[in-house]
Amino acid sequence: MPKVFIVDDAPADLAFARGILADAKYEVVTCDKAAEAEDRIAEAQPDVILLDIVMPERSGYDILRKLRKNPETRAIPVALVSSKTEPSDVLWGKTQGADDYLPKPYQPSDLVATVEHLLGRKTAG
């Protein structure tokens, strides 16, 4: 069962995504504190990471850059999941190392498709 790690400071968003992915038969690990994200991700070694951008302690961009520098986490596929939906936001996210970008709000099918896309990228890469 593939493991998906979700980082988001909004409890409702975490619960929504967790429910969708659990129903789709994924193992789901969540983190609601950006300050703990990198250590928890390195420990969990998920197959895919879904990362919010706007969080109080640190931005998702900062976390993403650190994940990409760490040999233990650099190859894990990451999708930024954010209400920042301007084309410049998407471009900036991909420039920072994101493999995909899912705008909020999203449909459950879009979330599952994003995870499946990233899992395909991981096995192909």
C-alpha atoms as a PDB file:
ATOM      1  CA  MET A   1       0.000   0.000   0.000  1.00  0.00           C
ATOM      2  CA  PRO A   2       1.643   3.290  -1.092  1.00  0.00           C
ATOM      3  CA  LYS A   3       2.247   5.844   1.662  1.00  0.00           C
ATOM      4  CA  VAL A   4       1.187   9.484   1.179  1.00  0.00           C
ATOM      5  CA  PHE A   5       2.466  12.168   3.566  1.00  0.00           C
ATOM      6  CA  ILE A   6       0.351  15.334   3.807  1.00  0.00           C
ATOM      7  CA  VAL A   7       1.639  18.588   5.334  1.00  0.00           C
ATOM      8  CA  ASP A   8      -1.075  21.205   5.950  1.00  0.00           C
ATOM      9  CA  ASP A   9      -1.815  23.465   8.907  1.00  0.00           C
ATOM     10  CA  ALA A  10      -5.600  23.398   8.312  1.00  0.00           C
ATOM     11  CA  PRO A  11      -7.273  20.508  10.185  1.00  0.00           C
ATOM     12  CA  ALA A  12     -10.273  20.465   7.810  1.00  0.00           C
ATOM     13  CA  ASP A  13      -8.015  20.203   4.745  1.00  0.00           C
ATOM     14  CA  LEU A  14      -6.003  17.400   6.368  1.00  0.00           C
ATOM     15  CA  ALA A  15      -9.146  15.465   7.279  1.00  0.00           C
ATOM     16  CA  PHE A  16     -10.640  15.932   3.802  1.00  0.00           C
ATOM     17  CA  ALA A  17      -7.495  14.710   2.006  1.00  0.00           C
ATOM     18  CA  ARG A  18      -6.910  11.875   4.487  1.00  0.00           C
ATOM     19  CA  GLY A  19     -10.452  10.575   3.978  1.00  0.00           C
ATOM     20  CA  ILE A  20     -10.214  10.665   0.188  1.00  0.00           C
ATOM     21  CA  LEU A  21      -6.867   8.905   0.087  1.00  0.00           C
ATOM     22  CA  ALA A  22      -7.758   6.323   2.754  1.00  0.00           C
ATOM     23  CA  ASP A  23     -10.875   5.444   0.731  1.00  0.00           C
ATOM     24  CA  ALA A  24      -8.601   5.051  -2.307  1.00  0.00           C
ATOM     25  CA  LYS A  25      -6.534   2.523  -0.310  1.00  0.00           C
ATOM     26  CA  TYR A  26      -3.486   4.643   0.455  1.00  0.00           C
ATOM     27  CA  GLU A  27      -1.661   4.701   3.770  1.00  0.00           C
ATOM     28  CA  VAL A  28      -1.868   8.319   4.912  1.00  0.00           C
ATOM     29  CA  VAL A  29       0.429  10.134   7.341  1.00  0.00           C
ATOM     30  CA  THR A  30      -0.291  13.764   8.226  1.00  0.00           C
ATOM     31  CA  CYS A  31       1.590  16.638   9.778  1.00  0.00           C
ATOM     32  CA  ASP A  32      -0.023  19.927  10.791  1.00  0.00           C
ATOM     33  CA  LYS A  33       3.164  21.686  11.913  1.00  0.00           C
ATOM     34  CA  ALA A  34       5.499  22.938   9.206  1.00  0.00           C
ATOM     35  CA  ALA A  35       8.375  23.103  11.698  1.00  0.00           C
ATOM     36  CA  GLU A  36       8.223  19.298  12.127  1.00  0.00           C
ATOM     37  CA  ALA A  37       7.633  18.376   8.489  1.00  0.00           C
ATOM     38  CA  GLU A  38      11.134  17.510   7.258  1.00  0.00           C
ATOM     39  CA  ASP A  39      12.043  15.320  10.227  1.00  0.00           C
ATOM     40  CA  ARG A  40       8.718  13.490  10.082  1.00  0.00           C
ATOM     41  CA  ILE A  41       9.005  12.983   6.310  1.00  0.00           C
ATOM     42  CA  ALA A  42      12.561  11.638   6.606  1.00  0.00           C
ATOM     43  CA  GLU A  43      11.365   9.249   9.308  1.00  0.00           C
ATOM     44  CA  ALA A  44       8.232   8.090   7.432  1.00  0.00           C
ATOM     45  CA  GLN A  45       9.890   7.734   3.988  1.00  0.00           C
ATOM     46  CA  PRO A  46       6.594   8.139   2.102  1.00  0.00           C
ATOM     47  CA  ASP A  47       6.061   7.361  -1.562  1.00  0.00           C
ATOM     48  CA  VAL A  48       4.476  10.776  -2.230  1.00  0.00           C
ATOM     49  CA  ILE A  49       4.299  14.120  -0.396  1.00  0.00           C
ATOM     50  CA  LEU A  50       1.407  16.606  -0.617  1.00  0.00           C
ATOM     51  CA  LEU A  51       2.601  19.963   0.686  1.00  0.00           C
ATOM     52  CA  ASP A  52       0.614  23.094   1.475  1.00  0.00           C
ATOM     53  CA  ILE A  53       2.387  26.383   0.750  1.00  0.00           C
ATOM     54  CA  VAL A  54       0.916  28.928   3.160  1.00  0.00           C
ATOM     55  CA  MET A  55       1.582  27.870   6.759  1.00  0.00           C
ATOM     56  CA  PRO A  56       2.397  29.922   9.851  1.00  0.00           C
ATOM     57  CA  GLU A  57       5.801  28.553  10.878  1.00  0.00           C
ATOM     58  CA  ARG A  58       7.393  28.109   7.446  1.00  0.00           C
ATOM     59  CA  SER A  59       6.282  28.116   3.860  1.00  0.00           C
ATOM     60  CA  GLY A  60       5.869  24.977   1.826  1.00  0.00           C
ATOM     61  CA  TYR A  61       8.436  26.414  -0.575  1.00  0.00           C
ATOM     62  CA  ASP A  62      11.035  26.439   2.213  1.00  0.00           C
ATOM     63  CA  ILE A  63      10.208  22.878   3.212  1.00  0.00           C
ATOM     64  CA  LEU A  64      10.362  21.750  -0.422  1.00  0.00           C
ATOM     65  CA  ARG A  65      13.803  23.299  -0.969  1.00  0.00           C
ATOM     66  CA  LYS A  66      15.125  21.547   2.160  1.00  0.00           C
ATOM     67  CA  LEU A  67      13.604  18.215   1.099  1.00  0.00           C
ATOM     68  CA  ARG A  68      15.323  18.515  -2.286  1.00  0.00           C
ATOM     69  CA  LYS A  69      18.709  19.143  -0.615  1.00  0.00           C
ATOM     70  CA  ASN A  70      18.432  16.112   1.706  1.00  0.00           C
ATOM     71  CA  PRO A  71      19.692  12.849   0.137  1.00  0.00           C
ATOM     72  CA  GLU A  72      17.076  10.898   2.157  1.00  0.00           C
ATOM     73  CA  THR A  73      14.132  12.848   0.730  1.00  0.00           C
ATOM     74  CA  ARG A  74      15.250  14.443  -2.556  1.00  0.00           C
ATOM     75  CA  ALA A  75      13.765  11.729  -4.797  1.00  0.00           C
ATOM     76  CA  ILE A  76      10.318  11.606  -3.155  1.00  0.00           C
ATOM     77  CA  PRO A  77       7.727  13.085  -5.548  1.00  0.00           C
ATOM     78  CA  VAL A  78       6.063  16.247  -4.185  1.00  0.00           C
ATOM     79  CA  ALA A  79       2.874  18.023  -5.177  1.00  0.00           C
ATOM     80  CA  LEU A  80       2.217  21.474  -3.840  1.00  0.00           C
ATOM     81  CA  VAL A  81      -1.452  21.775  -2.836  1.00  0.00           C
ATOM     82  CA  SER A  82      -2.460  25.394  -2.432  1.00  0.00           C
ATOM     83  CA  SER A  83      -5.049  28.117  -2.806  1.00  0.00           C
ATOM     84  CA  LYS A  84      -2.294  30.137  -4.529  1.00  0.00           C
ATOM     85  CA  THR A  85      -3.458  29.469  -8.077  1.00  0.00           C
ATOM     86  CA  GLU A  86      -1.971  32.165 -10.282  1.00  0.00           C
ATOM     87  CA  PRO A  87       0.203  30.857 -13.148  1.00  0.00           C
ATOM     88  CA  SER A  88       3.191  32.554 -11.505  1.00  0.00           C
ATOM     89  CA  ASP A  89       2.527  30.558  -8.292  1.00  0.00           C
ATOM     90  CA  VAL A  90       2.502  27.281 -10.219  1.00  0.00           C
ATOM     91  CA  LEU A  91       5.672  28.221 -12.099  1.00  0.00           C
ATOM     92  CA  TRP A  92       7.436  29.279  -8.884  1.00  0.00           C
ATOM     93  CA  GLY A  93       6.434  26.022  -7.172  1.00  0.00           C
ATOM     94  CA  LYS A  94       7.847  23.937 -10.004  1.00  0.00           C
ATOM     95  CA  THR A  95      10.995  26.082 -10.029  1.00  0.00           C
ATOM     96  CA  GLN A  96      11.425  25.265  -6.325  1.00  0.00           C
ATOM     97  CA  GLY A  97      11.360  21.533  -7.108  1.00  0.00           C
ATOM     98  CA  ALA A  98       7.693  20.486  -7.073  1.00  0.00           C
ATOM     99  CA  ASP A  99       6.744  17.629  -9.374  1.00  0.00           C
ATOM    100  CA  ASP A 100       3.098  18.697  -9.570  1.00  0.00           C
ATOM    101  CA  TYR A 101       0.730  21.420  -8.376  1.00  0.00           C
ATOM    102  CA  LEU A 102      -2.868  20.893  -7.237  1.00  0.00           C
ATOM    103  CA  PRO A 103      -4.964  24.036  -6.725  1.00  0.00           C
ATOM    104  CA  LYS A 104      -7.384  24.245  -3.780  1.00  0.00           C
ATOM    105  CA  PRO A 105     -10.239  23.668  -3.723  1.00  0.00           C
ATOM    106  CA  TYR A 106      -9.999  20.392  -5.578  1.00  0.00           C
ATOM    107  CA  GLN A 107     -12.289  17.502  -6.390  1.00  0.00           C
ATOM    108  CA  PRO A 108     -11.548  14.141  -4.747  1.00  0.00           C
ATOM    109  CA  SER A 109     -10.842  12.627  -8.177  1.00  0.00           C
ATOM    110  CA  ASP A 110      -8.223  15.337  -8.821  1.00  0.00           C
ATOM    111  CA  LEU A 111      -6.427  14.514  -5.572  1.00  0.00           C
ATOM    112  CA  VAL A 112      -6.332  10.795  -6.366  1.00  0.00           C
ATOM    113  CA  ALA A 113      -5.198  11.498  -9.945  1.00  0.00           C
ATOM    114  CA  THR A 114      -2.365  13.705  -8.653  1.00  0.00           C
ATOM    115  CA  VAL A 115      -1.144  10.987  -6.288  1.00  0.00           C
ATOM    116  CA  GLU A 116      -1.389   8.338  -9.011  1.00  0.00           C
ATOM    117  CA  HIS A 117       0.534  10.609 -11.385  1.00  0.00           C
ATOM    118  CA  LEU A 118       3.291  11.083  -8.818  1.00  0.00           C
ATOM    119  CA  LEU A 119       3.462   7.367  -8.067  1.00  0.00           C
ATOM    120  CA  GLY A 120       3.843   6.716 -11.790  1.00  0.00           C
ATOM    121  CA  ARG A 121       6.646   9.253 -11.930  1.00  0.00           C
ATOM    122  CA  LYS A 122       8.377   7.572  -8.998  1.00  0.00           C
ATOM    123  CA  THR A 123       8.277   4.101 -10.557  1.00  0.00           C
ATOM    124  CA  ALA A 124       9.285   5.460 -13.961  1.00  0.00           C
ATOM    125  CA  GLY A 125      12.099   7.599 -12.559  1.00  0.00           C
END
